[in-house]
N, C-alpha and C. Protein backbone atom coordinates (compact mmCIF):
# COMPACT_ATOMS: atom_id res chain seq x y z
N MET A 1 113.65 125.85 115.53
CA MET A 1 114.05 126.10 114.16
C MET A 1 113.06 127.09 113.55
N ARG A 2 113.59 128.15 113.03
CA ARG A 2 112.78 129.09 112.24
C ARG A 2 113.23 128.95 110.80
N PRO A 3 112.38 128.43 109.94
CA PRO A 3 112.79 128.24 108.54
C PRO A 3 113.31 129.51 107.88
N ALA A 4 112.77 130.67 108.26
CA ALA A 4 113.21 131.92 107.65
C ALA A 4 114.67 132.23 107.98
N ASP A 5 115.20 131.63 109.05
CA ASP A 5 116.59 131.86 109.45
C ASP A 5 117.57 130.89 108.78
N LEU A 6 117.06 129.92 108.05
CA LEU A 6 117.91 128.91 107.42
C LEU A 6 118.33 129.34 106.02
N THR A 7 119.51 128.90 105.62
CA THR A 7 119.96 129.13 104.25
C THR A 7 119.30 128.10 103.34
N SER A 8 119.39 128.32 102.06
CA SER A 8 118.85 127.36 101.08
C SER A 8 119.50 126.00 101.24
N ILE A 9 120.79 125.99 101.52
CA ILE A 9 121.51 124.73 101.68
C ILE A 9 121.05 124.00 102.93
N GLU A 10 120.82 124.73 104.02
CA GLU A 10 120.31 124.10 105.25
C GLU A 10 118.91 123.53 105.03
N ILE A 11 118.07 124.27 104.32
CA ILE A 11 116.73 123.76 104.00
C ILE A 11 116.84 122.52 103.11
N ALA A 12 117.73 122.56 102.14
CA ALA A 12 117.92 121.40 101.25
C ALA A 12 118.37 120.18 102.05
N ASP A 13 119.24 120.36 103.03
CA ASP A 13 119.67 119.25 103.88
C ASP A 13 118.50 118.65 104.65
N LEU A 14 117.64 119.52 105.19
CA LEU A 14 116.45 119.04 105.90
C LEU A 14 115.51 118.30 104.96
N LEU A 15 115.31 118.86 103.77
CA LEU A 15 114.45 118.19 102.79
C LEU A 15 114.99 116.81 102.44
N SER A 16 116.29 116.72 102.28
CA SER A 16 116.91 115.44 101.97
C SER A 16 116.66 114.43 103.09
N GLN A 17 116.82 114.86 104.34
CA GLN A 17 116.58 113.97 105.48
C GLN A 17 115.12 113.51 105.50
N MET A 18 114.20 114.44 105.28
CA MET A 18 112.78 114.12 105.32
C MET A 18 112.39 113.19 104.17
N TYR A 19 112.91 113.46 103.00
CA TYR A 19 112.62 112.64 101.82
C TYR A 19 113.13 111.21 102.05
N THR A 20 114.35 111.10 102.56
CA THR A 20 114.92 109.79 102.83
C THR A 20 114.08 109.04 103.87
N ALA A 21 113.68 109.74 104.92
CA ALA A 21 112.85 109.12 105.96
C ALA A 21 111.50 108.67 105.40
N ASP A 22 110.91 109.49 104.55
CA ASP A 22 109.61 109.14 103.96
C ASP A 22 109.70 107.92 103.04
N HIS A 23 110.90 107.65 102.57
CA HIS A 23 111.09 106.52 101.66
C HIS A 23 111.82 105.36 102.34
N GLY A 24 111.68 105.29 103.67
CA GLY A 24 112.19 104.16 104.43
C GLY A 24 113.66 104.20 104.76
N GLY A 25 114.26 105.35 104.65
CA GLY A 25 115.70 105.48 104.91
C GLY A 25 116.02 105.63 106.38
N GLN A 26 116.39 106.80 106.77
CA GLN A 26 116.91 107.05 108.11
C GLN A 26 115.81 107.25 109.15
N ASP A 27 116.21 107.06 110.42
CA ASP A 27 115.28 107.24 111.53
C ASP A 27 115.45 108.58 112.23
N ASP A 28 116.51 109.32 111.92
CA ASP A 28 116.78 110.57 112.64
C ASP A 28 116.29 111.80 111.88
N ALA A 29 115.14 111.66 111.27
CA ALA A 29 114.56 112.78 110.51
C ALA A 29 114.07 113.86 111.47
N PRO A 30 113.94 115.07 110.98
CA PRO A 30 113.39 116.15 111.81
C PRO A 30 112.01 115.77 112.37
N SER A 31 111.65 116.42 113.47
CA SER A 31 110.39 116.12 114.15
C SER A 31 109.19 116.50 113.29
N PRO A 32 108.02 115.94 113.62
CA PRO A 32 106.81 116.33 112.90
C PRO A 32 106.56 117.84 112.96
N GLN A 33 106.87 118.46 114.09
CA GLN A 33 106.69 119.92 114.20
C GLN A 33 107.61 120.65 113.24
N GLN A 34 108.86 120.22 113.14
CA GLN A 34 109.80 120.84 112.21
C GLN A 34 109.34 120.64 110.76
N ARG A 35 108.83 119.46 110.46
CA ARG A 35 108.30 119.19 109.11
C ARG A 35 107.19 120.17 108.77
N THR A 36 106.25 120.31 109.71
CA THR A 36 105.11 121.19 109.49
C THR A 36 105.55 122.63 109.30
N GLU A 37 106.47 123.09 110.16
CA GLU A 37 106.96 124.47 110.05
C GLU A 37 107.62 124.70 108.70
N LEU A 38 108.46 123.76 108.27
CA LEU A 38 109.16 123.92 107.00
C LEU A 38 108.19 123.84 105.82
N ALA A 39 107.27 122.89 105.86
CA ALA A 39 106.29 122.76 104.78
C ALA A 39 105.43 124.02 104.66
N ASP A 40 104.99 124.56 105.79
CA ASP A 40 104.19 125.79 105.77
C ASP A 40 105.00 126.95 105.22
N TYR A 41 106.25 127.05 105.65
CA TYR A 41 107.11 128.14 105.19
C TYR A 41 107.33 128.06 103.68
N LEU A 42 107.67 126.88 103.19
CA LEU A 42 107.93 126.74 101.76
C LEU A 42 106.66 126.92 100.94
N GLY A 43 105.52 126.55 101.50
CA GLY A 43 104.26 126.74 100.81
C GLY A 43 103.90 128.20 100.64
N CYS A 44 104.36 129.04 101.56
CA CYS A 44 104.04 130.47 101.53
C CYS A 44 105.17 131.33 100.96
N HIS A 45 106.32 130.73 100.67
CA HIS A 45 107.47 131.48 100.18
C HIS A 45 108.06 130.76 98.97
N GLU A 46 107.50 131.04 97.81
CA GLU A 46 107.89 130.37 96.58
C GLU A 46 109.38 130.56 96.27
N GLU A 47 109.92 131.74 96.53
CA GLU A 47 111.34 131.98 96.25
C GLU A 47 112.22 131.08 97.10
N ALA A 48 111.86 130.91 98.37
CA ALA A 48 112.63 130.04 99.26
C ALA A 48 112.52 128.59 98.80
N ARG A 49 111.32 128.17 98.37
CA ARG A 49 111.14 126.81 97.87
C ARG A 49 111.99 126.57 96.63
N ALA A 50 111.99 127.53 95.72
CA ALA A 50 112.77 127.39 94.49
C ALA A 50 114.27 127.34 94.79
N SER A 51 114.74 128.18 95.70
CA SER A 51 116.17 128.18 96.06
C SER A 51 116.56 126.88 96.75
N ALA A 52 115.70 126.39 97.63
CA ALA A 52 115.98 125.14 98.32
C ALA A 52 116.00 123.97 97.33
N TRP A 53 115.04 123.98 96.39
CA TRP A 53 115.01 122.92 95.37
C TRP A 53 116.29 122.96 94.54
N GLU A 54 116.72 124.13 94.15
CA GLU A 54 117.95 124.25 93.35
C GLU A 54 119.15 123.67 94.11
N ALA A 55 119.26 124.00 95.40
CA ALA A 55 120.37 123.49 96.21
C ALA A 55 120.26 121.98 96.39
N TRP A 56 119.06 121.48 96.63
CA TRP A 56 118.86 120.05 96.83
C TRP A 56 119.10 119.29 95.53
N ALA A 57 118.58 119.78 94.42
CA ALA A 57 118.73 119.10 93.14
C ALA A 57 120.20 118.96 92.75
N ALA A 58 121.02 119.92 93.16
CA ALA A 58 122.45 119.86 92.85
C ALA A 58 123.11 118.66 93.54
N GLU A 59 122.52 118.20 94.64
CA GLU A 59 123.07 117.06 95.38
C GLU A 59 122.47 115.72 94.96
N LEU A 60 121.34 115.76 94.27
CA LEU A 60 120.64 114.54 93.87
C LEU A 60 121.20 113.96 92.58
N ASN A 61 121.01 112.67 92.42
CA ASN A 61 121.27 112.03 91.15
C ASN A 61 120.20 112.54 90.18
N PRO A 62 120.57 113.00 88.99
CA PRO A 62 119.57 113.50 88.05
C PRO A 62 118.42 112.53 87.80
N ALA A 63 118.66 111.24 87.94
CA ALA A 63 117.59 110.25 87.74
C ALA A 63 116.52 110.36 88.82
N ASP A 64 116.84 110.99 89.95
CA ASP A 64 115.90 111.13 91.07
C ASP A 64 115.16 112.46 91.07
N TRP A 65 115.49 113.36 90.16
CA TRP A 65 114.91 114.70 90.19
C TRP A 65 113.39 114.71 90.12
N ASP A 66 112.83 113.96 89.19
CA ASP A 66 111.37 113.99 89.02
C ASP A 66 110.65 113.51 90.27
N ALA A 67 111.09 112.39 90.83
CA ALA A 67 110.43 111.84 92.02
C ALA A 67 110.60 112.78 93.21
N ALA A 68 111.78 113.35 93.38
CA ALA A 68 112.03 114.24 94.51
C ALA A 68 111.24 115.54 94.36
N GLU A 69 111.18 116.08 93.16
CA GLU A 69 110.43 117.32 92.96
C GLU A 69 108.93 117.08 93.14
N TYR A 70 108.45 115.93 92.71
CA TYR A 70 107.04 115.59 92.93
C TYR A 70 106.76 115.52 94.43
N TRP A 71 107.62 114.83 95.16
CA TRP A 71 107.45 114.73 96.62
C TRP A 71 107.41 116.12 97.24
N LEU A 72 108.34 116.98 96.85
CA LEU A 72 108.41 118.32 97.42
C LEU A 72 107.14 119.11 97.12
N ASP A 73 106.73 119.12 95.87
CA ASP A 73 105.62 119.97 95.46
C ASP A 73 104.23 119.41 95.76
N VAL A 74 104.10 118.09 95.80
CA VAL A 74 102.78 117.48 95.95
C VAL A 74 102.58 116.83 97.31
N GLU A 75 103.57 116.11 97.79
CA GLU A 75 103.41 115.36 99.03
C GLU A 75 103.85 116.15 100.26
N PHE A 76 104.82 117.03 100.12
CA PHE A 76 105.37 117.71 101.29
C PHE A 76 104.77 119.10 101.50
N VAL A 77 104.89 119.95 100.53
CA VAL A 77 104.47 121.35 100.66
C VAL A 77 102.97 121.47 100.39
N GLU A 78 102.29 122.16 101.28
CA GLU A 78 100.88 122.48 101.09
C GLU A 78 100.79 123.92 100.57
N PRO A 79 99.81 124.21 99.73
CA PRO A 79 99.64 125.59 99.27
C PRO A 79 99.39 126.52 100.46
N CYS A 80 99.90 127.72 100.34
CA CYS A 80 99.71 128.71 101.39
C CYS A 80 98.26 129.17 101.40
N PRO A 81 97.61 129.12 102.57
CA PRO A 81 96.24 129.64 102.63
C PRO A 81 96.21 131.11 102.24
N GLU A 82 95.19 131.49 101.52
CA GLU A 82 95.07 132.86 101.04
C GLU A 82 95.15 133.84 102.21
N GLY A 83 96.00 134.84 102.06
CA GLY A 83 96.14 135.88 103.07
C GLY A 83 97.03 135.52 104.24
N GLN A 84 97.61 134.32 104.24
CA GLN A 84 98.46 133.90 105.35
C GLN A 84 99.92 134.06 104.98
N THR A 85 100.71 134.53 105.93
CA THR A 85 102.15 134.53 105.78
C THR A 85 102.74 133.80 106.97
N VAL A 86 103.84 133.13 106.74
CA VAL A 86 104.47 132.35 107.80
C VAL A 86 105.79 132.98 108.14
């Protein structure tokens, strides 16, 4: 999986799977390697993160937006190291 090759909707689907898995939901979440690749990519590509969030938020219950956005921005995505591109 190359995150740069995924659409915003595909990234949103992956985020949904990972979020659900992190909160005790499903067992078929993407691999740790896929998580790391996606987290690194979104950390270094703010536009992609914003587009993926927009697509994912459209599928979420509005009552879950704050918790999901916190997870995305604080627990999942790490800031891009200075000078690094993914």
